[in-house]
Amino acid sequence: MPADFSPLDPGRIHSADPFEIEYWSRQLGCTPEELQDVVARVGEHVNVVREELESRRAARS
């Protein structure tokens, strides 16, 4: 991923783009696989994905 990469739409995760998957995985603190699973379940809106990831983390604690 280029050092200056930023998503085309900062509110959505385009799961077909490997650079976006890598970028958002780093931003959201999850694995690319986990990110793709969540996007497949709840859609590609960043805020909804973030909430789902936080919910999963809370359930594990």
N, C-alpha and C. Protein backbone atom coordinates (compact mmCIF):
# COMPACT_ATOMS: atom_id res chain seq x y z
N MET A 1 0.85 -1.17 0.00
CA MET A 1 0.00 0.00 0.00
C MET A 1 0.90 1.23 0.00
N PRO A 2 0.61 2.18 -0.87
CA PRO A 2 1.41 3.42 -0.88
C PRO A 2 1.28 4.17 0.44
N ALA A 3 2.37 4.80 0.86
CA ALA A 3 2.40 5.52 2.13
C ALA A 3 1.36 6.63 2.20
N ASP A 4 1.04 7.23 1.07
CA ASP A 4 0.10 8.35 1.05
C ASP A 4 -1.33 7.91 0.69
N PHE A 5 -1.62 6.62 0.80
CA PHE A 5 -2.94 6.11 0.43
C PHE A 5 -4.02 6.68 1.34
N SER A 6 -5.13 7.05 0.75
CA SER A 6 -6.33 7.38 1.50
C SER A 6 -7.53 6.89 0.67
N PRO A 7 -8.57 6.44 1.33
CA PRO A 7 -9.72 5.89 0.61
C PRO A 7 -10.42 6.96 -0.22
N LEU A 8 -11.03 6.52 -1.32
CA LEU A 8 -11.78 7.45 -2.17
C LEU A 8 -12.95 8.05 -1.42
N ASP A 9 -13.64 7.23 -0.65
CA ASP A 9 -14.79 7.67 0.14
C ASP A 9 -14.49 7.32 1.59
N PRO A 10 -14.14 8.28 2.43
CA PRO A 10 -13.76 7.98 3.81
C PRO A 10 -14.90 7.44 4.68
N GLY A 11 -16.09 7.40 4.17
CA GLY A 11 -17.22 6.88 4.92
C GLY A 11 -17.60 5.46 4.56
N ARG A 12 -16.93 4.90 3.56
CA ARG A 12 -17.26 3.56 3.08
C ARG A 12 -16.01 2.73 2.91
N ILE A 13 -16.17 1.44 3.10
CA ILE A 13 -15.08 0.49 2.89
C ILE A 13 -15.37 -0.27 1.61
N HIS A 14 -14.52 -0.10 0.62
CA HIS A 14 -14.69 -0.81 -0.65
C HIS A 14 -13.92 -2.12 -0.55
N SER A 15 -14.64 -3.18 -0.23
CA SER A 15 -14.02 -4.46 0.09
C SER A 15 -13.37 -5.15 -1.11
N ALA A 16 -13.62 -4.67 -2.31
CA ALA A 16 -12.99 -5.26 -3.49
C ALA A 16 -11.59 -4.69 -3.72
N ASP A 17 -11.24 -3.65 -2.99
CA ASP A 17 -9.95 -2.99 -3.17
C ASP A 17 -8.99 -3.44 -2.07
N PRO A 18 -7.95 -4.20 -2.41
CA PRO A 18 -7.03 -4.68 -1.37
C PRO A 18 -6.35 -3.57 -0.59
N PHE A 19 -6.08 -2.42 -1.21
CA PHE A 19 -5.48 -1.31 -0.50
C PHE A 19 -6.44 -0.78 0.57
N GLU A 20 -7.72 -0.72 0.23
CA GLU A 20 -8.70 -0.25 1.21
C GLU A 20 -8.84 -1.24 2.36
N ILE A 21 -8.82 -2.52 2.06
CA ILE A 21 -8.91 -3.52 3.12
C ILE A 21 -7.72 -3.38 4.06
N GLU A 22 -6.53 -3.22 3.52
CA GLU A 22 -5.34 -3.05 4.35
C GLU A 22 -5.43 -1.76 5.17
N TYR A 23 -5.82 -0.67 4.50
CA TYR A 23 -5.94 0.63 5.18
C TYR A 23 -6.94 0.55 6.33
N TRP A 24 -8.16 0.06 6.05
CA TRP A 24 -9.19 0.04 7.08
C TRP A 24 -8.89 -0.97 8.18
N SER A 25 -8.23 -2.06 7.85
CA SER A 25 -7.82 -3.02 8.89
C SER A 25 -6.90 -2.34 9.89
N ARG A 26 -5.97 -1.57 9.39
CA ARG A 26 -5.06 -0.84 10.28
C ARG A 26 -5.81 0.22 11.08
N GLN A 27 -6.67 0.96 10.41
CA GLN A 27 -7.41 2.03 11.08
C GLN A 27 -8.34 1.50 12.17
N LEU A 28 -8.93 0.35 11.92
CA LEU A 28 -9.93 -0.19 12.84
C LEU A 28 -9.37 -1.25 13.78
N GLY A 29 -8.09 -1.58 13.64
CA GLY A 29 -7.45 -2.51 14.56
C GLY A 29 -7.96 -3.93 14.47
N CYS A 30 -8.11 -4.43 13.25
CA CYS A 30 -8.58 -5.80 13.07
C CYS A 30 -7.80 -6.44 11.92
N THR A 31 -8.02 -7.72 11.73
CA THR A 31 -7.38 -8.40 10.61
C THR A 31 -8.17 -8.13 9.34
N PRO A 32 -7.53 -8.27 8.19
CA PRO A 32 -8.27 -8.12 6.93
C PRO A 32 -9.44 -9.11 6.82
N GLU A 33 -9.22 -10.32 7.31
CA GLU A 33 -10.28 -11.33 7.26
C GLU A 33 -11.47 -10.93 8.12
N GLU A 34 -11.16 -10.45 9.33
CA GLU A 34 -12.23 -10.01 10.23
C GLU A 34 -12.99 -8.83 9.61
N LEU A 35 -12.27 -7.91 9.02
CA LEU A 35 -12.90 -6.76 8.37
C LEU A 35 -13.84 -7.21 7.26
N GLN A 36 -13.36 -8.10 6.41
CA GLN A 36 -14.20 -8.57 5.30
C GLN A 36 -15.43 -9.30 5.81
N ASP A 37 -15.28 -10.06 6.89
CA ASP A 37 -16.42 -10.76 7.48
C ASP A 37 -17.46 -9.76 7.98
N VAL A 38 -16.99 -8.73 8.68
CA VAL A 38 -17.91 -7.73 9.21
C VAL A 38 -18.59 -6.95 8.08
N VAL A 39 -17.83 -6.57 7.07
CA VAL A 39 -18.42 -5.84 5.94
C VAL A 39 -19.48 -6.70 5.26
N ALA A 40 -19.21 -7.99 5.12
CA ALA A 40 -20.20 -8.89 4.50
C ALA A 40 -21.48 -8.98 5.33
N ARG A 41 -21.34 -8.84 6.66
CA ARG A 41 -22.50 -8.96 7.55
C ARG A 41 -23.28 -7.66 7.70
N VAL A 42 -22.57 -6.52 7.85
CA VAL A 42 -23.28 -5.27 8.19
C VAL A 42 -23.22 -4.20 7.11
N GLY A 43 -22.48 -4.44 6.05
CA GLY A 43 -22.37 -3.44 4.99
C GLY A 43 -21.06 -2.69 5.08
N GLU A 44 -20.91 -1.70 4.22
CA GLU A 44 -19.60 -1.06 4.08
C GLU A 44 -19.48 0.33 4.71
N HIS A 45 -20.47 0.77 5.45
CA HIS A 45 -20.37 2.06 6.13
C HIS A 45 -19.40 1.95 7.31
N VAL A 46 -18.41 2.80 7.33
CA VAL A 46 -17.34 2.73 8.33
C VAL A 46 -17.88 2.77 9.75
N ASN A 47 -18.80 3.65 10.05
CA ASN A 47 -19.31 3.77 11.42
C ASN A 47 -20.01 2.49 11.88
N VAL A 48 -20.76 1.86 10.98
CA VAL A 48 -21.46 0.62 11.33
C VAL A 48 -20.45 -0.51 11.52
N VAL A 49 -19.44 -0.56 10.67
CA VAL A 49 -18.39 -1.57 10.80
C VAL A 49 -17.64 -1.37 12.11
N ARG A 50 -17.30 -0.13 12.43
CA ARG A 50 -16.60 0.17 13.68
C ARG A 50 -17.43 -0.29 14.89
N GLU A 51 -18.73 0.01 14.87
CA GLU A 51 -19.60 -0.39 15.98
C GLU A 51 -19.65 -1.91 16.12
N GLU A 52 -19.72 -2.62 15.02
CA GLU A 52 -19.76 -4.08 15.06
C GLU A 52 -18.46 -4.64 15.61
N LEU A 53 -17.32 -4.09 15.16
CA LEU A 53 -16.04 -4.56 15.68
C LEU A 53 -15.93 -4.29 17.18
N GLU A 54 -16.37 -3.14 17.64
CA GLU A 54 -16.33 -2.81 19.07
C GLU A 54 -17.24 -3.74 19.86
N SER A 55 -18.39 -4.06 19.30
CA SER A 55 -19.32 -4.98 19.94
C SER A 55 -18.70 -6.37 20.07
N ARG A 56 -18.01 -6.82 19.05
CA ARG A 56 -17.34 -8.12 19.10
C ARG A 56 -16.25 -8.13 20.15
N ARG A 57 -15.50 -7.05 20.22
CA ARG A 57 -14.42 -6.95 21.22
C ARG A 57 -15.00 -6.97 22.64
N ALA A 58 -16.08 -6.25 22.84
CA ALA A 58 -16.71 -6.20 24.16
C ALA A 58 -17.25 -7.57 24.56
N ALA A 59 -17.76 -8.31 23.61
CA ALA A 59 -18.32 -9.64 23.89
C ALA A 59 -17.22 -10.62 24.30
N ARG A 60 -16.00 -10.40 23.80
CA ARG A 60 -14.89 -11.28 24.13
C ARG A 60 -14.32 -11.00 25.52
N SER A 61 -14.55 -9.80 26.04
CA SER A 61 -13.94 -9.44 27.34
C SER A 61 -14.76 -9.92 28.52
